[in-house]
Amino acid sequence: MSKKSKAAKRQPQEGAGDIVDLILEDHKPIWKLIKKMKSDDATVAQKRAAFKVFAPTLVAHAKPEEQTWYKRMKSKKGQKVEGLEGDIEHGLADKLCKELKHTSDNDMFEAKVKVLAELVGHHLEEEEDMLPSFKKESKKEERLALGEVYFRLRKKYL
């Protein structure tokens, strides 16, 4: 590999940044979809439409998060349990998403989609409580490096 190629690889990708900011930005559309999926005023058709957008949006957020921030947490004493908990919650959300894709009964769909929305909402709240501490105890260079990997992986899942 030439020196020019190596230097180009080290350049941050357009759109990459601090992993904390990237995660929080990714949460915004997920929160909007959660609200629709939990709404008592939304029709089943509206909830199905929201879920259709929600499932791939969640995957594009969760998989890179697992491979960056959670991986880092699981390598640090005192943070391993939180990283494992996040992995477990992601697994439960994945399972519910797969079930929902094959749920034709409207009542069962509404019940499952509400549970999924509540699970993911609780999960996002926990992450948003942990991110400020992570930002304080980590170095900006580490967050930028994690953010670059997160951003690159996220593009794979979109």
Foldseek 3Di string as FASTA:
>chain_A
DDPVVVVVVPDFDVPFFQQLVVLVVLVVLLLVLLCQLQDPPHDLVSNVVSLVVNVLSLVLNLVLCLVFVLVVQCVDPPRVVVSVVSVVLSVVLNVLSVVLVVDPDSVVNSVSSNVSSVSVVVSVVVVVVCSVVVVVVDDRVSRRVSRRSSVVSSVVSD
